[in-house]
PDB file of all heavy atoms in Angstrom:
ATOM      1  N   LEU A   1      12.070  -6.195  -0.857  1.00  0.00           N
ATOM      2  CA  LEU A   1      11.723  -7.441  -0.175  1.00  0.00           C
ATOM      3  C   LEU A   1      10.225  -7.551   0.034  1.00  0.00           C
ATOM      4  O   LEU A   1       9.574  -6.627   0.528  1.00  0.00           O
ATOM      5  CB  LEU A   1      12.431  -7.507   1.193  1.00  0.00           C
ATOM      6  CG  LEU A   1      11.984  -8.631   2.134  1.00  0.00           C
ATOM      7  CD1 LEU A   1      12.359  -9.997   1.555  1.00  0.00           C
ATOM      8  CD2 LEU A   1      12.595  -8.444   3.522  1.00  0.00           C
ATOM      9  N   ASN A   2       9.686  -8.708  -0.335  1.00  0.00           N
ATOM     10  CA  ASN A   2       8.305  -9.053   0.001  1.00  0.00           C
ATOM     11  C   ASN A   2       8.322 -10.312   0.858  1.00  0.00           C
ATOM     12  O   ASN A   2       8.859 -11.336   0.444  1.00  0.00           O
ATOM     13  CB  ASN A   2       7.465  -9.287  -1.259  1.00  0.00           C
ATOM     14  CG  ASN A   2       6.088  -9.852  -0.928  1.00  0.00           C
ATOM     15  OD1 ASN A   2       5.764 -10.968  -1.308  1.00  0.00           O
ATOM     16  ND2 ASN A   2       5.285  -9.086  -0.223  1.00  0.00           N
ATOM     17  N   VAL A   3       7.763 -10.206   2.062  1.00  0.00           N
ATOM     18  CA  VAL A   3       7.665 -11.359   2.953  1.00  0.00           C
ATOM     19  C   VAL A   3       6.338 -12.042   2.676  1.00  0.00           C
ATOM     20  O   VAL A   3       5.268 -11.480   2.934  1.00  0.00           O
ATOM     21  CB  VAL A   3       7.767 -10.935   4.435  1.00  0.00           C
ATOM     22  CG1 VAL A   3       7.653 -12.167   5.321  1.00  0.00           C
ATOM     23  CG2 VAL A   3       9.076 -10.209   4.693  1.00  0.00           C
ATOM     24  N   SER A   4       6.400 -13.242   2.144  1.00  0.00           N
ATOM     25  CA  SER A   4       5.190 -13.979   1.769  1.00  0.00           C
ATOM     26  C   SER A   4       4.724 -14.825   2.942  1.00  0.00           C
ATOM     27  O   SER A   4       5.401 -15.776   3.347  1.00  0.00           O
ATOM     28  CB  SER A   4       5.487 -14.867   0.554  1.00  0.00           C
ATOM     29  OG  SER A   4       4.370 -15.641   0.225  1.00  0.00           O
ATOM     30  N   SER A   5       3.564 -14.458   3.479  1.00  0.00           N
ATOM     31  CA  SER A   5       3.055 -15.154   4.667  1.00  0.00           C
ATOM     32  C   SER A   5       2.049 -16.240   4.323  1.00  0.00           C
ATOM     33  O   SER A   5       1.744 -17.093   5.146  1.00  0.00           O
ATOM     34  CB  SER A   5       2.400 -14.149   5.616  1.00  0.00           C
ATOM     35  OG  SER A   5       1.279 -13.559   4.986  1.00  0.00           O
ATOM     36  N   GLY A   6       1.485 -16.178   3.110  1.00  0.00           N
ATOM     37  CA  GLY A   6       0.501 -17.175   2.717  1.00  0.00           C
ATOM     38  C   GLY A   6      -0.887 -16.905   3.233  1.00  0.00           C
ATOM     39  O   GLY A   6      -1.846 -17.577   2.870  1.00  0.00           O
ATOM     40  N   ASN A   7      -1.041 -15.873   4.086  1.00  0.00           N
ATOM     41  CA  ASN A   7      -2.378 -15.551   4.602  1.00  0.00           C
ATOM     42  C   ASN A   7      -2.830 -14.161   4.184  1.00  0.00           C
ATOM     43  O   ASN A   7      -3.574 -13.498   4.880  1.00  0.00           O
ATOM     44  CB  ASN A   7      -2.414 -15.683   6.134  1.00  0.00           C
ATOM     45  CG  ASN A   7      -1.429 -14.732   6.807  1.00  0.00           C
ATOM     46  OD1 ASN A   7      -0.719 -13.997   6.134  1.00  0.00           O
ATOM     47  ND2 ASN A   7      -1.382 -14.766   8.127  1.00  0.00           N
ATOM     48  N   SER A   8      -2.317 -13.706   2.999  1.00  0.00           N
ATOM     49  CA  SER A   8      -2.716 -12.400   2.484  1.00  0.00           C
ATOM     50  C   SER A   8      -4.206 -12.388   2.162  1.00  0.00           C
ATOM     51  O   SER A   8      -4.788 -13.409   1.799  1.00  0.00           O
ATOM     52  CB  SER A   8      -1.907 -12.070   1.229  1.00  0.00           C
ATOM     53  OG  SER A   8      -2.481 -10.990   0.537  1.00  0.00           O
ATOM     54  N   HIS A   9      -4.813 -11.206   2.266  1.00  0.00           N
ATOM     55  CA  HIS A   9      -6.227 -11.057   1.918  1.00  0.00           C
ATOM     56  C   HIS A   9      -6.443 -11.183   0.417  1.00  0.00           C
ATOM     57  O   HIS A   9      -7.552 -11.344  -0.043  1.00  0.00           O
ATOM     58  CB  HIS A   9      -6.744  -9.698   2.391  1.00  0.00           C
ATOM     59  CG  HIS A   9      -6.113  -8.536   1.683  1.00  0.00           C
ATOM     60  ND1 HIS A   9      -4.825  -8.134   1.950  1.00  0.00           N
ATOM     61  CD2 HIS A   9      -6.579  -7.718   0.703  1.00  0.00           C
ATOM     62  CE1 HIS A   9      -4.524  -7.103   1.172  1.00  0.00           C
ATOM     63  NE2 HIS A   9      -5.566  -6.836   0.403  1.00  0.00           N
ATOM     64  N   MET A  10      -5.345 -11.118  -0.353  1.00  0.00           N
ATOM     65  CA  MET A  10      -5.460 -11.215  -1.811  1.00  0.00           C
ATOM     66  C   MET A  10      -5.487 -12.685  -2.247  1.00  0.00           C
ATOM     67  O   MET A  10      -4.738 -13.506  -1.714  1.00  0.00           O
ATOM     68  CB  MET A  10      -4.276 -10.528  -2.499  1.00  0.00           C
ATOM     69  CG  MET A  10      -4.389  -9.026  -2.517  1.00  0.00           C
ATOM     70  SD  MET A  10      -3.128  -8.322  -3.591  1.00  0.00           S
ATOM     71  CE  MET A  10      -3.620  -6.608  -3.595  1.00  0.00           C
ATOM     72  N   ILE A  11      -6.308 -12.984  -3.228  1.00  0.00           N
ATOM     73  CA  ILE A  11      -6.336 -14.322  -3.784  1.00  0.00           C
ATOM     74  C   ILE A  11      -5.173 -14.497  -4.754  1.00  0.00           C
ATOM     75  O   ILE A  11      -4.540 -13.527  -5.157  1.00  0.00           O
ATOM     76  CB  ILE A  11      -7.690 -14.614  -4.479  1.00  0.00           C
ATOM     77  CG1 ILE A  11      -7.921 -13.621  -5.635  1.00  0.00           C
ATOM     78  CG2 ILE A  11      -8.834 -14.592  -3.483  1.00  0.00           C
ATOM     79  CD1 ILE A  11      -9.160 -13.943  -6.457  1.00  0.00           C
ATOM     80  N   GLY A  12      -4.923 -15.760  -5.161  1.00  0.00           N
ATOM     81  CA  GLY A  12      -3.751 -16.096  -5.969  1.00  0.00           C
ATOM     82  C   GLY A  12      -3.465 -15.192  -7.148  1.00  0.00           C
ATOM     83  O   GLY A  12      -2.385 -14.594  -7.224  1.00  0.00           O
ATOM     84  N   PRO A  13      -4.382 -15.036  -8.121  1.00  0.00           N
ATOM     85  CA  PRO A  13      -4.106 -14.213  -9.308  1.00  0.00           C
ATOM     86  C   PRO A  13      -3.793 -12.762  -8.974  1.00  0.00           C
ATOM     87  O   PRO A  13      -2.924 -12.148  -9.591  1.00  0.00           O
ATOM     88  CB  PRO A  13      -5.414 -14.319 -10.115  1.00  0.00           C
ATOM     89  CG  PRO A  13      -6.049 -15.583  -9.659  1.00  0.00           C
ATOM     90  CD  PRO A  13      -5.699 -15.720  -8.208  1.00  0.00           C
ATOM     91  N   GLU A  14      -4.514 -12.191  -7.980  1.00  0.00           N
ATOM     92  CA  GLU A  14      -4.257 -10.796  -7.586  1.00  0.00           C
ATOM     93  C   GLU A  14      -2.856 -10.658  -7.013  1.00  0.00           C
ATOM     94  O   GLU A  14      -2.133  -9.705  -7.299  1.00  0.00           O
ATOM     95  CB  GLU A  14      -5.283 -10.357  -6.539  1.00  0.00           C
ATOM     96  CG  GLU A  14      -6.680 -10.120  -7.066  1.00  0.00           C
ATOM     97  CD  GLU A  14      -7.638  -9.685  -5.974  1.00  0.00           C
ATOM     98  OE1 GLU A  14      -7.717 -10.395  -4.948  1.00  0.00           O
ATOM     99  OE2 GLU A  14      -8.280  -8.637  -6.131  1.00  0.00           O
ATOM    100  N   ARG A  15      -2.486 -11.650  -6.196  1.00  0.00           N
ATOM    101  CA  ARG A  15      -1.164 -11.614  -5.566  1.00  0.00           C
ATOM    102  C   ARG A  15      -0.071 -11.708  -6.623  1.00  0.00           C
ATOM    103  O   ARG A  15       0.932 -10.988  -6.577  1.00  0.00           O
ATOM    104  CB  ARG A  15      -1.070 -12.758  -4.563  1.00  0.00           C
ATOM    105  CG  ARG A  15       0.147 -12.684  -3.637  1.00  0.00           C
ATOM    106  CD  ARG A  15      -0.013 -13.510  -2.382  1.00  0.00           C
ATOM    107  NE  ARG A  15      -0.346 -14.901  -2.684  1.00  0.00           N
ATOM    108  CZ  ARG A  15      -1.422 -15.525  -2.226  1.00  0.00           C
ATOM    109  NH1 ARG A  15      -2.283 -14.881  -1.465  1.00  0.00           N
ATOM    110  NH2 ARG A  15      -1.646 -16.781  -2.528  1.00  0.00           N
ATOM    111  N   GLU A  16      -0.270 -12.608  -7.582  1.00  0.00           N
ATOM    112  CA  GLU A  16       0.712 -12.775  -8.659  1.00  0.00           C
ATOM    113  C   GLU A  16       0.840 -11.509  -9.498  1.00  0.00           C
ATOM    114  O   GLU A  16       1.931 -11.134  -9.927  1.00  0.00           O
ATOM    115  CB  GLU A  16       0.318 -13.957  -9.550  1.00  0.00           C
ATOM    116  CG  GLU A  16       0.513 -15.315  -8.901  1.00  0.00           C
ATOM    117  CD  GLU A  16       1.946 -15.549  -8.451  1.00  0.00           C
ATOM    118  OE1 GLU A  16       2.867 -15.268  -9.241  1.00  0.00           O
ATOM    119  OE2 GLU A  16       2.140 -15.983  -7.299  1.00  0.00           O
ATOM    120  N   GLN A  17      -0.292 -10.838  -9.730  1.00  0.00           N
ATOM    121  CA  GLN A  17      -0.275  -9.594 -10.507  1.00  0.00           C
ATOM    122  C   GLN A  17       0.516  -8.509  -9.777  1.00  0.00           C
ATOM    123  O   GLN A  17       1.286  -7.773 -10.384  1.00  0.00           O
ATOM    124  CB  GLN A  17      -1.716  -9.121 -10.749  1.00  0.00           C
ATOM    125  CG  GLN A  17      -1.807  -7.943 -11.731  1.00  0.00           C
ATOM    126  CD  GLN A  17      -3.233  -7.528 -11.990  1.00  0.00           C
ATOM    127  OE1 GLN A  17      -4.163  -7.940 -11.306  1.00  0.00           O
ATOM    128  NE2 GLN A  17      -3.435  -6.700 -13.000  1.00  0.00           N
ATOM    129  N   LYS A  18       0.320  -8.441  -8.454  1.00  0.00           N
ATOM    130  CA  LYS A  18       1.071  -7.465  -7.649  1.00  0.00           C
ATOM    131  C   LYS A  18       2.562  -7.763  -7.715  1.00  0.00           C
ATOM    132  O   LYS A  18       3.389  -6.865  -7.909  1.00  0.00           O
ATOM    133  CB  LYS A  18       0.607  -7.509  -6.191  1.00  0.00           C
ATOM    134  CG  LYS A  18      -0.517  -6.553  -5.868  1.00  0.00           C
ATOM    135  CD  LYS A  18      -0.005  -5.115  -5.880  1.00  0.00           C
ATOM    136  CE  LYS A  18      -1.141  -4.147  -5.614  1.00  0.00           C
ATOM    137  NZ  LYS A  18      -0.733  -2.750  -5.845  1.00  0.00           N
ATOM    138  N   LEU A  19       2.916  -9.014  -7.540  1.00  0.00           N
ATOM    139  CA  LEU A  19       4.327  -9.405  -7.587  1.00  0.00           C
ATOM    140  C   LEU A  19       4.950  -9.046  -8.930  1.00  0.00           C
ATOM    141  O   LEU A  19       6.085  -8.577  -8.991  1.00  0.00           O
ATOM    142  CB  LEU A  19       4.468 -10.911  -7.333  1.00  0.00           C
ATOM    143  CG  LEU A  19       4.337 -11.380  -5.879  1.00  0.00           C
ATOM    144  CD1 LEU A  19       4.246 -12.901  -5.816  1.00  0.00           C
ATOM    145  CD2 LEU A  19       5.498 -10.882  -5.031  1.00  0.00           C
ATOM    146  N   GLU A  20       4.173  -9.243 -10.008  1.00  0.00           N
ATOM    147  CA  GLU A  20       4.673  -8.917 -11.339  1.00  0.00           C
ATOM    148  C   GLU A  20       4.915  -7.421 -11.483  1.00  0.00           C
ATOM    149  O   GLU A  20       5.918  -6.990 -12.075  1.00  0.00           O
ATOM    150  CB  GLU A  20       3.677  -9.401 -12.400  1.00  0.00           C
ATOM    151  CG  GLU A  20       4.245  -9.479 -13.808  1.00  0.00           C
ATOM    152  CD  GLU A  20       5.468 -10.363 -13.929  1.00  0.00           C
ATOM    153  OE1 GLU A  20       5.522 -11.420 -13.255  1.00  0.00           O
ATOM    154  OE2 GLU A  20       6.386  -9.982 -14.676  1.00  0.00           O
ATOM    155  N   GLN A  21       4.004  -6.595 -10.930  1.00  0.00           N
ATOM    156  CA  GLN A  21       4.167  -5.136 -10.955  1.00  0.00           C
ATOM    157  C   GLN A  21       5.448  -4.733 -10.221  1.00  0.00           C
ATOM    158  O   GLN A  21       6.217  -3.894 -10.696  1.00  0.00           O
ATOM    159  CB  GLN A  21       2.967  -4.454 -10.297  1.00  0.00           C
ATOM    160  CG  GLN A  21       1.700  -4.482 -11.131  1.00  0.00           C
ATOM    161  CD  GLN A  21       0.518  -3.874 -10.403  1.00  0.00           C
ATOM    162  OE1 GLN A  21       0.641  -3.368  -9.284  1.00  0.00           O
ATOM    163  NE2 GLN A  21      -0.652  -3.925 -11.018  1.00  0.00           N
ATOM    164  N   TRP A  22       5.673  -5.337  -9.069  1.00  0.00           N
ATOM    165  CA  TRP A  22       6.869  -5.009  -8.290  1.00  0.00           C
ATOM    166  C   TRP A  22       8.142  -5.449  -9.010  1.00  0.00           C
ATOM    167  O   TRP A  22       9.154  -4.750  -8.987  1.00  0.00           O
ATOM    168  CB  TRP A  22       6.793  -5.660  -6.904  1.00  0.00           C
ATOM    169  CG  TRP A  22       5.640  -5.177  -6.079  1.00  0.00           C
ATOM    170  CD1 TRP A  22       4.937  -4.014  -6.249  1.00  0.00           C
ATOM    171  CD2 TRP A  22       5.029  -5.839  -4.973  1.00  0.00           C
ATOM    172  NE1 TRP A  22       3.933  -3.921  -5.314  1.00  0.00           N
ATOM    173  CE2 TRP A  22       3.963  -5.016  -4.508  1.00  0.00           C
ATOM    174  CE3 TRP A  22       5.264  -7.044  -4.309  1.00  0.00           C
ATOM    175  CZ2 TRP A  22       3.157  -5.361  -3.432  1.00  0.00           C
ATOM    176  CZ3 TRP A  22       4.464  -7.388  -3.232  1.00  0.00           C
ATOM    177  CH2 TRP A  22       3.430  -6.565  -2.799  1.00  0.00           C
ATOM    178  N   LYS A  23       8.084  -6.609  -9.654  1.00  0.00           N
ATOM    179  CA  LYS A  23       9.255  -7.083 -10.406  1.00  0.00           C
ATOM    180  C   LYS A  23       9.602  -6.129 -11.544  1.00  0.00           C
ATOM    181  O   LYS A  23      10.771  -5.840 -11.790  1.00  0.00           O
ATOM    182  CB  LYS A  23       8.975  -8.483 -10.976  1.00  0.00           C
ATOM    183  CG  LYS A  23       9.027  -9.596  -9.938  1.00  0.00           C
ATOM    184  CD  LYS A  23       8.664 -10.936 -10.572  1.00  0.00           C
ATOM    185  CE  LYS A  23       8.570 -12.036  -9.521  1.00  0.00           C
ATOM    186  NZ  LYS A  23       8.103 -13.321 -10.112  1.00  0.00           N
ATOM    187  N   LEU A  24       8.569  -5.639 -12.246  1.00  0.00           N
ATOM    188  CA  LEU A  24       8.790  -4.700 -13.341  1.00  0.00           C
ATOM    189  C   LEU A  24       9.419  -3.406 -12.834  1.00  0.00           C
ATOM    190  O   LEU A  24      10.341  -2.867 -13.457  1.00  0.00           O
ATOM    191  CB  LEU A  24       7.475  -4.404 -14.061  1.00  0.00           C
ATOM    192  CG  LEU A  24       6.927  -5.538 -14.946  1.00  0.00           C
ATOM    193  CD1 LEU A  24       5.522  -5.210 -15.435  1.00  0.00           C
ATOM    194  CD2 LEU A  24       7.855  -5.796 -16.126  1.00  0.00           C
ATOM    195  N   LEU A  25       8.929  -2.900 -11.697  1.00  0.00           N
ATOM    196  CA  LEU A  25       9.519  -1.687 -11.111  1.00  0.00           C
ATOM    197  C   LEU A  25      10.962  -1.945 -10.698  1.00  0.00           C
ATOM    198  O   LEU A  25      11.841  -1.110 -10.903  1.00  0.00           O
ATOM    199  CB  LEU A  25       8.713  -1.236  -9.890  1.00  0.00           C
ATOM    200  CG  LEU A  25       7.559  -0.265 -10.133  1.00  0.00           C
ATOM    201  CD1 LEU A  25       6.877   0.093  -8.821  1.00  0.00           C
ATOM    202  CD2 LEU A  25       8.013   1.000 -10.834  1.00  0.00           C
ATOM    203  N   ALA A  26      11.203  -3.123 -10.116  1.00  0.00           N
ATOM    204  CA  ALA A  26      12.568  -3.464  -9.705  1.00  0.00           C
ATOM    205  C   ALA A  26      13.505  -3.483 -10.906  1.00  0.00           C
ATOM    206  O   ALA A  26      14.634  -2.983 -10.838  1.00  0.00           O
ATOM    207  CB  ALA A  26      12.574  -4.828  -9.001  1.00  0.00           C
ATOM    208  N   GLU A  27      13.035  -4.040 -12.027  1.00  0.00           N
ATOM    209  CA  GLU A  27      13.853  -4.064 -13.240  1.00  0.00           C
ATOM    210  C   GLU A  27      14.138  -2.656 -13.736  1.00  0.00           C
ATOM    211  O   GLU A  27      15.257  -2.341 -14.150  1.00  0.00           O
ATOM    212  CB  GLU A  27      13.132  -4.865 -14.332  1.00  0.00           C
ATOM    213  CG  GLU A  27      13.140  -6.368 -14.098  1.00  0.00           C
ATOM    214  CD  GLU A  27      12.289  -7.112 -15.118  1.00  0.00           C
ATOM    215  OE1 GLU A  27      11.894  -6.485 -16.125  1.00  0.00           O
ATOM    216  OE2 GLU A  27      12.009  -8.305 -14.903  1.00  0.00           O
ATOM    217  N   GLN A  28      13.113  -1.796 -13.707  1.00  0.00           N
ATOM    218  CA  GLN A  28      13.302  -0.411 -14.148  1.00  0.00           C
ATOM    219  C   GLN A  28      14.358   0.292 -13.320  1.00  0.00           C
ATOM    220  O   GLN A  28      15.141   1.097 -13.824  1.00  0.00           O
ATOM    221  CB  GLN A  28      11.986   0.359 -14.032  1.00  0.00           C
ATOM    222  CG  GLN A  28      11.002   0.075 -15.138  1.00  0.00           C
ATOM    223  CD  GLN A  28       9.876   1.076 -15.170  1.00  0.00           C
ATOM    224  OE1 GLN A  28      10.022   2.207 -14.691  1.00  0.00           O
ATOM    225  NE2 GLN A  28       8.747   0.688 -15.720  1.00  0.00           N
ATOM    226  N   PHE A  29      14.375  -0.008 -12.008  1.00  0.00           N
ATOM    227  CA  PHE A  29      15.275   0.694 -11.094  1.00  0.00           C
ATOM    228  C   PHE A  29      16.562  -0.075 -10.817  1.00  0.00           C
ATOM    229  O   PHE A  29      17.306   0.259  -9.887  1.00  0.00           O
ATOM    230  CB  PHE A  29      14.559   0.985  -9.771  1.00  0.00           C
ATOM    231  CG  PHE A  29      13.402   1.951  -9.907  1.00  0.00           C
ATOM    232  CD1 PHE A  29      12.251   1.800  -9.141  1.00  0.00           C
ATOM    233  CD2 PHE A  29      13.461   3.010 -10.793  1.00  0.00           C
ATOM    234  CE1 PHE A  29      11.192   2.694  -9.249  1.00  0.00           C
ATOM    235  CE2 PHE A  29      12.409   3.902 -10.917  1.00  0.00           C
ATOM    236  CZ  PHE A  29      11.273   3.741 -10.144  1.00  0.00           C
ATOM    237  N   ASN A  30      16.821  -1.129 -11.613  1.00  0.00           N
ATOM    238  CA  ASN A  30      18.023  -1.953 -11.423  1.00  0.00           C
ATOM    239  C   ASN A  30      18.147  -2.447  -9.982  1.00  0.00           C
ATOM    240  O   ASN A  30      19.234  -2.448  -9.393  1.00  0.00           O
ATOM    241  CB  ASN A  30      19.283  -1.161 -11.810  1.00  0.00           C
ATOM    242  CG  ASN A  30      19.357  -0.898 -13.298  1.00  0.00           C
ATOM    243  OD1 ASN A  30      18.864  -1.687 -14.095  1.00  0.00           O
ATOM    244  ND2 ASN A  30      19.953   0.218 -13.682  1.00  0.00           N
ATOM    245  N   ALA A  31      17.019  -2.837  -9.399  1.00  0.00           N
ATOM    246  CA  ALA A  31      16.990  -3.291  -8.011  1.00  0.00           C
ATOM    247  C   ALA A  31      16.884  -4.809  -7.952  1.00  0.00           C
ATOM    248  O   ALA A  31      16.339  -5.448  -8.855  1.00  0.00           O
ATOM    249  CB  ALA A  31      15.801  -2.661  -7.285  1.00  0.00           C
ATOM    250  N   ALA A  32      17.406  -5.390  -6.874  1.00  0.00           N
ATOM    251  CA  ALA A  32      17.244  -6.824  -6.629  1.00  0.00           C
ATOM    252  C   ALA A  32      15.888  -7.047  -5.971  1.00  0.00           C
ATOM    253  O   ALA A  32      15.565  -6.390  -4.982  1.00  0.00           O
ATOM    254  CB  ALA A  32      18.367  -7.320  -5.719  1.00  0.00           C
ATOM    255  N   PHE A  33      15.097  -7.963  -6.537  1.00  0.00           N
ATOM    256  CA  PHE A  33      13.763  -8.234  -5.998  1.00  0.00           C
ATOM    257  C   PHE A  33      13.784  -9.581  -5.282  1.00  0.00           C
ATOM    258  O   PHE A  33      14.156 -10.599  -5.864  1.00  0.00           O
ATOM    259  CB  PHE A  33      12.718  -8.236  -7.112  1.00  0.00           C
ATOM    260  CG  PHE A  33      11.316  -8.420  -6.618  1.00  0.00           C
ATOM    261  CD1 PHE A  33      10.709  -7.445  -5.850  1.00  0.00           C
ATOM    262  CD2 PHE A  33      10.605  -9.582  -6.909  1.00  0.00           C
ATOM    263  CE1 PHE A  33       9.412  -7.609  -5.390  1.00  0.00           C
ATOM    264  CE2 PHE A  33       9.309  -9.756  -6.457  1.00  0.00           C
ATOM    265  CZ  PHE A  33       8.713  -8.772  -5.682  1.00  0.00           C
ATOM    266  N   ILE A  34      13.398  -9.572  -4.009  1.00  0.00           N
ATOM    267  CA  ILE A  34      13.472 -10.770  -3.172  1.00  0.00           C
ATOM    268  C   ILE A  34      12.085 -11.103  -2.636  1.00  0.00           C
ATOM    269  O   ILE A  34      11.423 -10.248  -2.034  1.00  0.00           O
ATOM    270  CB  ILE A  34      14.432 -10.552  -1.976  1.00  0.00           C
ATOM    271  CG1 ILE A  34      15.832 -10.137  -2.465  1.00  0.00           C
ATOM    272  CG2 ILE A  34      14.519 -11.808  -1.114  1.00  0.00           C
ATOM    273  CD1 ILE A  34      16.717  -9.557  -1.386  1.00  0.00           C
ATOM    274  N   VAL A  35      11.643 -12.341  -2.853  1.00  0.00           N
ATOM    275  CA  VAL A  35      10.418 -12.841  -2.229  1.00  0.00           C
ATOM    276  C   VAL A  35      10.836 -13.918  -1.239  1.00  0.00           C
ATOM    277  O   VAL A  35      11.440 -14.925  -1.627  1.00  0.00           O
ATOM    278  CB  VAL A  35       9.431 -13.408  -3.259  1.00  0.00           C
ATOM    279  CG1 VAL A  35       8.193 -13.968  -2.556  1.00  0.00           C
ATOM    280  CG2 VAL A  35       9.024 -12.343  -4.264  1.00  0.00           C
ATOM    281  N   GLU A  36      10.551 -13.705   0.021  1.00  0.00           N
ATOM    282  CA  GLU A  36      10.980 -14.614   1.074  1.00  0.00           C
ATOM    283  C   GLU A  36       9.764 -15.168   1.810  1.00  0.00           C
ATOM    284  O   GLU A  36       8.911 -14.411   2.276  1.00  0.00           O
ATOM    285  CB  GLU A  36      11.887 -13.861   2.060  1.00  0.00           C
ATOM    286  CG  GLU A  36      12.548 -14.740   3.083  1.00  0.00           C
ATOM    287  CD  GLU A  36      13.750 -15.504   2.545  1.00  0.00           C
ATOM    288  OE1 GLU A  36      14.159 -15.245   1.391  1.00  0.00           O
ATOM    289  OE2 GLU A  36      14.277 -16.357   3.291  1.00  0.00           O
ATOM    290  N   LYS A  37       9.666 -16.494   1.900  1.00  0.00           N
ATOM    291  CA  LYS A  37       8.558 -17.099   2.628  1.00  0.00           C
ATOM    292  C   LYS A  37       8.756 -16.913   4.126  1.00  0.00           C
ATOM    293  O   LYS A  37       9.853 -17.149   4.648  1.00  0.00           O
ATOM    294  CB  LYS A  37       8.446 -18.578   2.277  1.00  0.00           C
ATOM    295  CG  LYS A  37       7.922 -18.828   0.869  1.00  0.00           C
ATOM    296  CD  LYS A  37       7.680 -20.301   0.603  1.00  0.00           C
ATOM    297  CE  LYS A  37       7.095 -20.507  -0.790  1.00  0.00           C
ATOM    298  NZ  LYS A  37       6.883 -21.935  -1.101  1.00  0.00           N
ATOM    299  N   GLN A  38       7.677 -16.531   4.790  1.00  0.00           N
ATOM    300  CA  GLN A  38       7.766 -16.243   6.224  1.00  0.00           C
ATOM    301  C   GLN A  38       7.943 -17.515   7.047  1.00  0.00           C
ATOM    302  O   GLN A  38       8.742 -17.547   7.995  1.00  0.00           O
ATOM    303  CB  GLN A  38       6.507 -15.502   6.686  1.00  0.00           C
ATOM    304  CG  GLN A  38       6.524 -15.138   8.164  1.00  0.00           C
ATOM    305  CD  GLN A  38       5.262 -14.391   8.586  1.00  0.00           C
ATOM    306  OE1 GLN A  38       4.633 -13.747   7.760  1.00  0.00           O
ATOM    307  NE2 GLN A  38       4.906 -14.490   9.848  1.00  0.00           N
ATOM    308  N   GLY A  39       7.206 -18.550   6.682  1.00  0.00           N
ATOM    309  CA  GLY A  39       7.261 -19.786   7.459  1.00  0.00           C
ATOM    310  C   GLY A  39       6.819 -19.545   8.893  1.00  0.00           C
ATOM    311  O   GLY A  39       5.803 -18.888   9.141  1.00  0.00           O
ATOM    312  N   LYS A  40       7.589 -20.036   9.838  1.00  0.00           N
ATOM    313  CA  LYS A  40       7.250 -19.877  11.261  1.00  0.00           C
ATOM    314  C   LYS A  40       7.918 -18.656  11.872  1.00  0.00           C
ATOM    315  O   LYS A  40       7.802 -18.408  13.074  1.00  0.00           O
ATOM    316  CB  LYS A  40       7.653 -21.139  12.025  1.00  0.00           C
ATOM    317  CG  LYS A  40       6.855 -22.372  11.607  1.00  0.00           C
ATOM    318  CD  LYS A  40       7.258 -23.590  12.418  1.00  0.00           C
ATOM    319  CE  LYS A  40       6.438 -24.813  11.991  1.00  0.00           C
ATOM    320  NZ  LYS A  40       6.821 -26.023  12.762  1.00  0.00           N
ATOM    321  N   ARG A  41       8.625 -17.911  11.042  1.00  0.00           N
ATOM    322  CA  ARG A  41       9.322 -16.720  11.554  1.00  0.00           C
ATOM    323  C   ARG A  41       8.378 -15.523  11.631  1.00  0.00           C
ATOM    324  O   ARG A  41       7.386 -15.437  10.900  1.00  0.00           O
ATOM    325  CB  ARG A  41      10.495 -16.364  10.641  1.00  0.00           C
ATOM    326  CG  ARG A  41      11.577 -17.419  10.560  1.00  0.00           C
ATOM    327  CD  ARG A  41      12.597 -17.077   9.476  1.00  0.00           C
ATOM    328  NE  ARG A  41      12.020 -17.146   8.131  1.00  0.00           N
ATOM    329  CZ  ARG A  41      12.677 -16.845   7.022  1.00  0.00           C
ATOM    330  NH1 ARG A  41      13.936 -16.430   7.099  1.00  0.00           N
ATOM    331  NH2 ARG A  41      12.099 -16.948   5.852  1.00  0.00           N
ATOM    332  N   LYS A  42       8.726 -14.578  12.485  1.00  0.00           N
ATOM    333  CA  LYS A  42       8.026 -13.283  12.494  1.00  0.00           C
ATOM    334  C   LYS A  42       8.552 -12.475  11.313  1.00  0.00           C
ATOM    335  O   LYS A  42       9.704 -12.634  10.907  1.00  0.00           O
ATOM    336  CB  LYS A  42       8.287 -12.533  13.799  1.00  0.00           C
ATOM    337  CG  LYS A  42       7.685 -13.186  15.025  1.00  0.00           C
ATOM    338  CD  LYS A  42       8.009 -12.379  16.263  1.00  0.00           C
ATOM    339  CE  LYS A  42       7.394 -13.020  17.502  1.00  0.00           C
ATOM    340  NZ  LYS A  42       7.726 -12.259  18.727  1.00  0.00           N
ATOM    341  N   PRO A  43       7.713 -11.571  10.759  1.00  0.00           N
ATOM    342  CA  PRO A  43       8.181 -10.744   9.640  1.00  0.00           C
ATOM    343  C   PRO A  43       9.465  -9.984   9.965  1.00  0.00           C
ATOM    344  O   PRO A  43      10.337  -9.863   9.102  1.00  0.00           O
ATOM    345  CB  PRO A  43       7.008  -9.788   9.415  1.00  0.00           C
ATOM    346  CG  PRO A  43       5.820 -10.554   9.875  1.00  0.00           C
ATOM    347  CD  PRO A  43       6.295 -11.349  11.056  1.00  0.00           C
TER     348      PRO A  43
END
């Protein structure tokens, strides 16, 4: 699970690259990869 808050210190391309790395690892490990927007909720 990655909770996307929209206020990460990473800029767009860096963030997308990280997400892609995590997706690839998830595929290798047969894991479900979830990106959830935080919105007004606490993490």
